Amino acid sequence: MKNILGAILVFILIANCNTNKSNKELKVLDNSDSEEITFIIELNTKGNETSAVEEFTQYLSDFIVEREPSTVYGYFISDDGKRVTLIERYNNSQDGIQHGIDFINGPNFTKFFEIFEIESFITIGNATEEFKQFASDNGFTIEYRKSIGGYVRR
């Protein structure tokens, strides 16, 4: 009896999920009104041991999330351990500037550049001129994009 009820419940859930999917339409995402900015940073690990890269990257992630609770932060380490992609999202350019100030003046700046070399730094969103000037003044070469385009189901 339990097996029959379980099978009926699974069937109802699957049918309900499929019904909801068919009612959704694709919409173009437009972030022109948003102040959020997202960093996508490609890093070379400069031949450091994968274990050292993993350890420092996890430490850095925990450090940032603890001190900047509004930041969305994540990373991906390539299978060979030679590249890391960081993704960071800030509510606005001022939060991005504050992160930069904290990073440059913080305890992890030197270690970061012992482990990593920046290969590319893309900022997506509505970066202010103040943010662009801050990045330039501090030696960061950044490619700015308003959006990366795409669709989302709503």
N, C-alpha and C. Protein backbone atom coordinates (compact mmCIF):
# COMPACT_ATOMS: atom_id res chain seq x y z
N MET A 1 0.82 -1.20 0.00
CA MET A 1 0.00 0.00 0.00
C MET A 1 0.86 1.26 0.00
N LYS A 2 1.95 1.24 0.83
CA LYS A 2 2.83 2.40 0.88
C LYS A 2 3.49 2.63 -0.47
N ASN A 3 3.85 1.55 -1.16
CA ASN A 3 4.48 1.69 -2.48
C ASN A 3 3.53 2.33 -3.48
N ILE A 4 2.26 1.96 -3.43
CA ILE A 4 1.26 2.53 -4.35
C ILE A 4 1.07 4.01 -4.04
N LEU A 5 0.95 4.37 -2.76
CA LEU A 5 0.79 5.78 -2.40
C LEU A 5 2.03 6.59 -2.79
N GLY A 6 3.20 6.01 -2.60
CA GLY A 6 4.44 6.68 -2.98
C GLY A 6 4.51 6.92 -4.48
N ALA A 7 4.10 5.91 -5.25
CA ALA A 7 4.13 6.03 -6.71
C ALA A 7 3.14 7.10 -7.18
N ILE A 8 1.98 7.16 -6.56
CA ILE A 8 0.98 8.17 -6.91
C ILE A 8 1.50 9.56 -6.58
N LEU A 9 2.13 9.71 -5.42
CA LEU A 9 2.69 11.00 -5.01
C LEU A 9 3.77 11.46 -5.99
N VAL A 10 4.67 10.56 -6.37
CA VAL A 10 5.73 10.89 -7.34
C VAL A 10 5.11 11.29 -8.66
N PHE A 11 4.11 10.57 -9.13
CA PHE A 11 3.43 10.89 -10.39
C PHE A 11 2.82 12.29 -10.33
N ILE A 12 2.17 12.62 -9.24
CA ILE A 12 1.54 13.94 -9.08
C ILE A 12 2.59 15.05 -9.09
N LEU A 13 3.69 14.81 -8.39
CA LEU A 13 4.77 15.81 -8.36
C LEU A 13 5.36 16.03 -9.73
N ILE A 14 5.62 14.97 -10.46
CA ILE A 14 6.20 15.09 -11.81
C ILE A 14 5.21 15.80 -12.73
N ALA A 15 3.96 15.42 -12.68
CA ALA A 15 2.95 16.05 -13.53
C ALA A 15 2.83 17.53 -13.21
N ASN A 16 2.88 17.88 -11.92
CA ASN A 16 2.77 19.27 -11.50
C ASN A 16 3.97 20.08 -11.99
N CYS A 17 5.17 19.52 -11.90
CA CYS A 17 6.38 20.21 -12.36
C CYS A 17 6.31 20.46 -13.86
N ASN A 18 5.88 19.47 -14.61
CA ASN A 18 5.80 19.63 -16.06
C ASN A 18 4.75 20.66 -16.44
N THR A 19 3.64 20.72 -15.72
CA THR A 19 2.60 21.71 -15.98
C THR A 19 3.14 23.11 -15.74
N ASN A 20 3.86 23.32 -14.65
CA ASN A 20 4.41 24.64 -14.34
C ASN A 20 5.42 25.09 -15.38
N LYS A 21 6.24 24.19 -15.90
CA LYS A 21 7.25 24.55 -16.89
C LYS A 21 6.61 25.04 -18.17
N SER A 22 5.52 24.44 -18.59
CA SER A 22 4.92 24.81 -19.87
C SER A 22 4.25 26.18 -19.81
N ASN A 23 3.93 26.68 -18.63
CA ASN A 23 3.30 27.98 -18.51
C ASN A 23 4.30 29.13 -18.44
N LYS A 24 5.58 28.83 -18.36
CA LYS A 24 6.58 29.87 -18.23
C LYS A 24 7.07 30.28 -19.61
N GLU A 25 7.37 31.59 -19.73
CA GLU A 25 7.88 32.09 -21.00
C GLU A 25 9.28 32.66 -20.80
N LEU A 26 10.01 32.74 -21.87
CA LEU A 26 11.36 33.30 -21.80
C LEU A 26 11.27 34.82 -21.80
N LYS A 27 12.08 35.46 -20.95
CA LYS A 27 12.13 36.91 -20.89
C LYS A 27 13.59 37.33 -20.98
N VAL A 28 13.84 38.43 -21.65
CA VAL A 28 15.19 38.97 -21.72
C VAL A 28 15.47 39.66 -20.39
N LEU A 29 16.64 39.37 -19.82
CA LEU A 29 17.04 40.04 -18.59
C LEU A 29 17.60 41.40 -18.93
N ASP A 30 17.19 42.42 -18.21
CA ASP A 30 17.68 43.78 -18.43
C ASP A 30 18.10 44.34 -17.09
N ASN A 31 19.37 44.64 -16.96
CA ASN A 31 19.85 45.14 -15.68
C ASN A 31 20.13 46.64 -15.71
N SER A 32 19.54 47.36 -16.66
CA SER A 32 19.83 48.78 -16.80
C SER A 32 19.41 49.60 -15.58
N ASP A 33 18.45 49.13 -14.82
CA ASP A 33 18.01 49.86 -13.62
C ASP A 33 18.73 49.40 -12.36
N SER A 34 19.50 48.34 -12.45
CA SER A 34 20.17 47.78 -11.29
C SER A 34 21.51 48.47 -11.06
N GLU A 35 21.87 48.63 -9.80
CA GLU A 35 23.17 49.17 -9.44
C GLU A 35 24.19 48.06 -9.18
N GLU A 36 23.74 46.80 -9.21
CA GLU A 36 24.63 45.68 -8.93
C GLU A 36 25.76 45.61 -9.95
N ILE A 37 26.92 45.20 -9.45
CA ILE A 37 28.04 44.90 -10.34
C ILE A 37 28.58 43.52 -9.99
N THR A 38 29.03 42.82 -11.01
CA THR A 38 29.57 41.48 -10.83
C THR A 38 30.97 41.44 -11.42
N PHE A 39 31.88 40.86 -10.66
CA PHE A 39 33.25 40.66 -11.14
C PHE A 39 33.39 39.21 -11.58
N ILE A 40 34.00 39.00 -12.73
CA ILE A 40 34.42 37.68 -13.17
C ILE A 40 35.92 37.80 -13.39
N ILE A 41 36.68 37.12 -12.55
CA ILE A 41 38.13 37.26 -12.57
C ILE A 41 38.76 35.91 -12.87
N GLU A 42 39.52 35.86 -13.95
CA GLU A 42 40.24 34.65 -14.33
C GLU A 42 41.66 34.76 -13.80
N LEU A 43 42.07 33.74 -13.06
CA LEU A 43 43.38 33.75 -12.43
C LEU A 43 44.23 32.57 -12.88
N ASN A 44 45.52 32.80 -13.01
CA ASN A 44 46.51 31.77 -13.25
C ASN A 44 47.13 31.45 -11.90
N THR A 45 47.31 30.20 -11.58
CA THR A 45 47.82 29.82 -10.25
C THR A 45 49.35 29.80 -10.17
N LYS A 46 50.01 30.27 -11.23
CA LYS A 46 51.47 30.44 -11.23
C LYS A 46 52.24 29.19 -10.83
N GLY A 47 51.71 28.01 -11.15
CA GLY A 47 52.40 26.77 -10.87
C GLY A 47 52.36 26.32 -9.42
N ASN A 48 51.58 27.00 -8.59
CA ASN A 48 51.45 26.59 -7.19
C ASN A 48 50.76 25.24 -7.09
N GLU A 49 51.07 24.51 -6.04
CA GLU A 49 50.45 23.20 -5.79
C GLU A 49 48.93 23.37 -5.68
N THR A 50 48.20 22.43 -6.25
CA THR A 50 46.74 22.48 -6.22
C THR A 50 46.23 22.54 -4.79
N SER A 51 46.84 21.81 -3.88
CA SER A 51 46.38 21.81 -2.48
C SER A 51 46.54 23.21 -1.86
N ALA A 52 47.62 23.91 -2.19
CA ALA A 52 47.82 25.27 -1.66
C ALA A 52 46.80 26.23 -2.26
N VAL A 53 46.49 26.07 -3.54
CA VAL A 53 45.49 26.90 -4.21
C VAL A 53 44.12 26.66 -3.59
N GLU A 54 43.76 25.39 -3.41
CA GLU A 54 42.46 25.06 -2.81
C GLU A 54 42.35 25.60 -1.39
N GLU A 55 43.39 25.42 -0.61
CA GLU A 55 43.37 25.88 0.77
C GLU A 55 43.23 27.40 0.86
N PHE A 56 44.03 28.12 0.08
CA PHE A 56 43.96 29.59 0.13
C PHE A 56 42.64 30.11 -0.43
N THR A 57 42.16 29.49 -1.51
CA THR A 57 40.90 29.93 -2.11
C THR A 57 39.74 29.74 -1.14
N GLN A 58 39.71 28.62 -0.44
CA GLN A 58 38.65 28.39 0.55
C GLN A 58 38.77 29.38 1.71
N TYR A 59 39.99 29.60 2.19
CA TYR A 59 40.22 30.58 3.25
C TYR A 59 39.73 31.96 2.82
N LEU A 60 40.09 32.37 1.61
CA LEU A 60 39.71 33.68 1.10
C LEU A 60 38.19 33.80 0.99
N SER A 61 37.55 32.74 0.51
CA SER A 61 36.09 32.73 0.40
C SER A 61 35.45 32.91 1.77
N ASP A 62 35.90 32.15 2.76
CA ASP A 62 35.36 32.27 4.12
C ASP A 62 35.61 33.67 4.69
N PHE A 63 36.80 34.20 4.44
CA PHE A 63 37.20 35.53 4.93
C PHE A 63 36.26 36.61 4.38
N ILE A 64 36.01 36.57 3.07
CA ILE A 64 35.17 37.59 2.43
C ILE A 64 33.72 37.45 2.88
N VAL A 65 33.18 36.25 2.87
CA VAL A 65 31.78 36.05 3.25
C VAL A 65 31.54 36.48 4.69
N GLU A 66 32.50 36.24 5.57
CA GLU A 66 32.35 36.62 6.98
C GLU A 66 32.36 38.14 7.15
N ARG A 67 33.18 38.84 6.39
CA ARG A 67 33.34 40.28 6.57
C ARG A 67 32.44 41.12 5.67
N GLU A 68 31.95 40.53 4.60
CA GLU A 68 31.10 41.25 3.65
C GLU A 68 29.84 40.42 3.39
N PRO A 69 28.92 40.41 4.34
CA PRO A 69 27.76 39.51 4.22
C PRO A 69 26.86 39.78 3.01
N SER A 70 26.89 40.98 2.45
CA SER A 70 26.03 41.25 1.30
C SER A 70 26.68 40.81 -0.02
N THR A 71 27.93 40.37 0.05
CA THR A 71 28.65 39.94 -1.14
C THR A 71 28.26 38.51 -1.50
N VAL A 72 28.04 38.28 -2.79
CA VAL A 72 27.89 36.92 -3.28
C VAL A 72 29.25 36.57 -3.86
N TYR A 73 29.85 35.48 -3.40
CA TYR A 73 31.22 35.15 -3.75
C TYR A 73 31.32 33.66 -4.04
N GLY A 74 31.97 33.33 -5.12
CA GLY A 74 32.17 31.93 -5.43
C GLY A 74 33.40 31.76 -6.30
N TYR A 75 33.86 30.54 -6.40
CA TYR A 75 35.04 30.27 -7.21
C TYR A 75 34.96 28.89 -7.83
N PHE A 76 35.71 28.72 -8.90
CA PHE A 76 35.83 27.44 -9.58
C PHE A 76 37.31 27.20 -9.84
N ILE A 77 37.82 26.06 -9.43
CA ILE A 77 39.20 25.68 -9.69
C ILE A 77 39.18 24.65 -10.81
N SER A 78 39.99 24.88 -11.85
CA SER A 78 40.04 23.95 -12.98
C SER A 78 40.52 22.58 -12.51
N ASP A 79 40.19 21.57 -13.28
CA ASP A 79 40.57 20.20 -12.92
C ASP A 79 42.08 20.03 -12.76
N ASP A 80 42.85 20.75 -13.56
CA ASP A 80 44.30 20.62 -13.47
C ASP A 80 44.91 21.55 -12.41
N GLY A 81 44.08 22.39 -11.78
CA GLY A 81 44.54 23.28 -10.72
C GLY A 81 45.35 24.47 -11.20
N LYS A 82 45.35 24.72 -12.51
CA LYS A 82 46.16 25.81 -13.06
C LYS A 82 45.41 27.13 -13.20
N ARG A 83 44.10 27.07 -13.08
CA ARG A 83 43.28 28.28 -13.25
C ARG A 83 42.18 28.31 -12.20
N VAL A 84 41.85 29.52 -11.79
CA VAL A 84 40.74 29.73 -10.87
C VAL A 84 39.89 30.85 -11.43
N THR A 85 38.58 30.68 -11.38
CA THR A 85 37.64 31.73 -11.77
C THR A 85 36.93 32.18 -10.50
N LEU A 86 37.04 33.47 -10.21
CA LEU A 86 36.32 34.07 -9.08
C LEU A 86 35.11 34.81 -9.62
N ILE A 87 34.01 34.69 -8.92
CA ILE A 87 32.81 35.45 -9.26
C ILE A 87 32.36 36.15 -7.98
N GLU A 88 32.26 37.48 -8.07
CA GLU A 88 31.87 38.28 -6.92
C GLU A 88 30.76 39.23 -7.36
N ARG A 89 29.70 39.36 -6.56
CA ARG A 89 28.61 40.28 -6.86
C ARG A 89 28.46 41.25 -5.71
N TYR A 90 28.35 42.54 -6.08
CA TYR A 90 28.18 43.60 -5.08
C TYR A 90 26.90 44.36 -5.37
N ASN A 91 26.30 44.90 -4.33
CA ASN A 91 25.05 45.64 -4.48
C ASN A 91 25.20 46.87 -5.36
N ASN A 92 26.38 47.47 -5.34
CA ASN A 92 26.61 48.69 -6.11
C ASN A 92 28.11 48.95 -6.21
N SER A 93 28.46 49.96 -6.97
CA SER A 93 29.88 50.29 -7.18
C SER A 93 30.57 50.67 -5.88
N GLN A 94 29.86 51.35 -4.99
CA GLN A 94 30.48 51.75 -3.73
C GLN A 94 30.89 50.53 -2.91
N ASP A 95 30.06 49.50 -2.89
CA ASP A 95 30.43 48.25 -2.21
C ASP A 95 31.65 47.62 -2.88
N GLY A 96 31.72 47.68 -4.21
CA GLY A 96 32.88 47.16 -4.93
C GLY A 96 34.14 47.93 -4.60
N ILE A 97 34.02 49.26 -4.48
CA ILE A 97 35.17 50.09 -4.09
C ILE A 97 35.61 49.75 -2.67
N GLN A 98 34.65 49.61 -1.77
CA GLN A 98 35.00 49.28 -0.38
C GLN A 98 35.70 47.93 -0.31
N HIS A 99 35.22 46.97 -1.09
CA HIS A 99 35.89 45.67 -1.14
C HIS A 99 37.33 45.85 -1.62
N GLY A 100 37.52 46.65 -2.65
CA GLY A 100 38.85 46.90 -3.17
C GLY A 100 39.77 47.54 -2.14
N ILE A 101 39.26 48.51 -1.41
CA ILE A 101 40.04 49.16 -0.35
C ILE A 101 40.41 48.15 0.73
N ASP A 102 39.42 47.36 1.15
CA ASP A 102 39.68 46.34 2.17
C ASP A 102 40.69 45.30 1.68
N PHE A 103 40.59 44.92 0.41
CA PHE A 103 41.50 43.93 -0.16
C PHE A 103 42.93 44.49 -0.23
N ILE A 104 43.08 45.68 -0.77
CA ILE A 104 44.40 46.28 -0.93
C ILE A 104 45.08 46.52 0.42
N ASN A 105 44.31 46.93 1.42
CA ASN A 105 44.87 47.24 2.74
C ASN A 105 44.78 46.08 3.71
N GLY A 106 44.23 44.96 3.27
CA GLY A 106 43.99 43.83 4.17
C GLY A 106 45.14 42.84 4.22
N PRO A 107 44.95 41.80 5.01
CA PRO A 107 46.01 40.82 5.25
C PRO A 107 46.25 39.83 4.10
N ASN A 108 45.40 39.84 3.06
CA ASN A 108 45.49 38.81 2.03
C ASN A 108 46.07 39.28 0.70
N PHE A 109 46.34 40.57 0.58
CA PHE A 109 46.79 41.14 -0.69
C PHE A 109 48.08 40.49 -1.18
N THR A 110 49.11 40.46 -0.36
CA THR A 110 50.41 39.91 -0.76
C THR A 110 50.30 38.42 -1.07
N LYS A 111 49.64 37.67 -0.22
CA LYS A 111 49.48 36.22 -0.41
C LYS A 111 48.71 35.93 -1.70
N PHE A 112 47.67 36.76 -1.97
CA PHE A 112 46.86 36.59 -3.19
C PHE A 112 47.77 36.61 -4.41
N PHE A 113 48.67 37.59 -4.48
CA PHE A 113 49.52 37.72 -5.66
C PHE A 113 50.74 36.79 -5.62
N GLU A 114 50.97 36.13 -4.49
CA GLU A 114 51.95 35.04 -4.47
C GLU A 114 51.35 33.79 -5.11
N ILE A 115 50.06 33.60 -4.92
CA ILE A 115 49.36 32.41 -5.42
C ILE A 115 48.83 32.63 -6.85
N PHE A 116 48.34 33.84 -7.13
CA PHE A 116 47.62 34.10 -8.38
C PHE A 116 48.23 35.24 -9.19
N GLU A 117 47.94 35.16 -10.49
CA GLU A 117 48.18 36.26 -11.42
C GLU A 117 46.86 36.49 -12.15
N ILE A 118 46.42 37.73 -12.23
CA ILE A 118 45.16 38.03 -12.91
C ILE A 118 45.37 37.95 -14.41
N GLU A 119 44.57 37.11 -15.06
CA GLU A 119 44.62 37.01 -16.52
C GLU A 119 43.57 37.88 -17.17
N SER A 120 42.38 37.94 -16.57
CA SER A 120 41.34 38.84 -17.07
C SER A 120 40.42 39.23 -15.91
N PHE A 121 39.88 40.42 -16.03
CA PHE A 121 39.01 40.98 -14.98
C PHE A 121 37.88 41.68 -15.72
N ILE A 122 36.70 41.10 -15.63
CA ILE A 122 35.52 41.66 -16.29
C ILE A 122 34.56 42.11 -15.22
N THR A 123 34.04 43.32 -15.38
CA THR A 123 32.99 43.82 -14.50
C THR A 123 31.72 43.96 -15.32
N ILE A 124 30.66 43.32 -14.86
CA ILE A 124 29.38 43.34 -15.55
C ILE A 124 28.40 44.15 -14.70
N GLY A 125 27.70 45.06 -15.34
CA GLY A 125 26.72 45.87 -14.64
C GLY A 125 27.00 47.34 -14.86
N ASN A 126 26.43 48.14 -14.01
CA ASN A 126 26.51 49.58 -14.15
C ASN A 126 27.58 50.17 -13.24
N ALA A 127 28.83 49.91 -13.57
CA ALA A 127 29.94 50.44 -12.79
C ALA A 127 29.98 51.96 -12.95
N THR A 128 30.11 52.65 -11.83
CA THR A 128 30.16 54.11 -11.87
C THR A 128 31.54 54.59 -12.33
N GLU A 129 31.60 55.85 -12.72
CA GLU A 129 32.89 56.45 -13.09
C GLU A 129 33.83 56.44 -11.90
N GLU A 130 33.29 56.63 -10.69
CA GLU A 130 34.11 56.58 -9.48
C GLU A 130 34.77 55.21 -9.33
N PHE A 131 34.02 54.14 -9.58
CA PHE A 131 34.57 52.79 -9.50
C PHE A 131 35.66 52.61 -10.55
N LYS A 132 35.39 53.03 -11.78
CA LYS A 132 36.36 52.89 -12.86
C LYS A 132 37.65 53.63 -12.54
N GLN A 133 37.53 54.81 -11.96
CA GLN A 133 38.71 55.59 -11.59
C GLN A 133 39.48 54.89 -10.46
N PHE A 134 38.76 54.37 -9.47
CA PHE A 134 39.40 53.64 -8.37
C PHE A 134 40.20 52.45 -8.92
N ALA A 135 39.58 51.68 -9.81
CA ALA A 135 40.25 50.51 -10.38
C ALA A 135 41.50 50.93 -11.15
N SER A 136 41.38 51.96 -11.97
CA SER A 136 42.51 52.45 -12.75
C SER A 136 43.63 52.97 -11.86
N ASP A 137 43.27 53.76 -10.84
CA ASP A 137 44.26 54.32 -9.91
C ASP A 137 45.03 53.24 -9.17
N ASN A 138 44.42 52.06 -9.01
CA ASN A 138 45.05 50.98 -8.26
C ASN A 138 45.62 49.88 -9.15
N GLY A 139 45.76 50.18 -10.44
CA GLY A 139 46.46 49.27 -11.35
C GLY A 139 45.66 48.10 -11.87
N PHE A 140 44.34 48.12 -11.72
CA PHE A 140 43.52 47.02 -12.23
C PHE A 140 43.04 47.36 -13.64
N THR A 141 43.33 46.48 -14.58
CA THR A 141 42.85 46.62 -15.95
C THR A 141 41.57 45.81 -16.05
N ILE A 142 40.48 46.50 -16.25
CA ILE A 142 39.17 45.85 -16.22
C ILE A 142 38.44 46.08 -17.53
N GLU A 143 37.80 45.04 -18.03
CA GLU A 143 36.89 45.16 -19.17
C GLU A 143 35.49 45.37 -18.60
N TYR A 144 34.82 46.42 -19.04
CA TYR A 144 33.49 46.73 -18.53
C TYR A 144 32.43 46.33 -19.54
N ARG A 145 31.39 45.65 -19.04
CA ARG A 145 30.24 45.27 -19.86
C ARG A 145 28.97 45.63 -19.12
N LYS A 146 28.00 46.11 -19.84
CA LYS A 146 26.71 46.42 -19.23
C LYS A 146 25.97 45.15 -18.86
N SER A 147 26.10 44.13 -19.72
CA SER A 147 25.43 42.86 -19.44
C SER A 147 26.13 41.77 -20.26
N ILE A 148 25.78 40.55 -19.94
CA ILE A 148 26.30 39.43 -20.74
C ILE A 148 25.18 38.84 -21.58
N GLY A 149 24.00 39.42 -21.47
CA GLY A 149 22.87 38.93 -22.24
C GLY A 149 22.38 37.59 -21.72
N GLY A 150 21.25 37.18 -22.21
CA GLY A 150 20.74 35.88 -21.83
C GLY A 150 19.26 35.91 -21.58
N TYR A 151 18.75 34.76 -21.34
CA TYR A 151 17.32 34.59 -21.11
C TYR A 151 17.11 33.85 -19.79
N VAL A 152 15.98 34.08 -19.20
CA VAL A 152 15.61 33.36 -18.00
C VAL A 152 14.14 32.97 -18.10
N ARG A 153 13.81 31.83 -17.57
CA ARG A 153 12.39 31.42 -17.53
C ARG A 153 11.76 32.05 -16.31
N ARG A 154 10.62 32.64 -16.52
CA ARG A 154 9.88 33.26 -15.42
C ARG A 154 8.51 32.66 -15.30
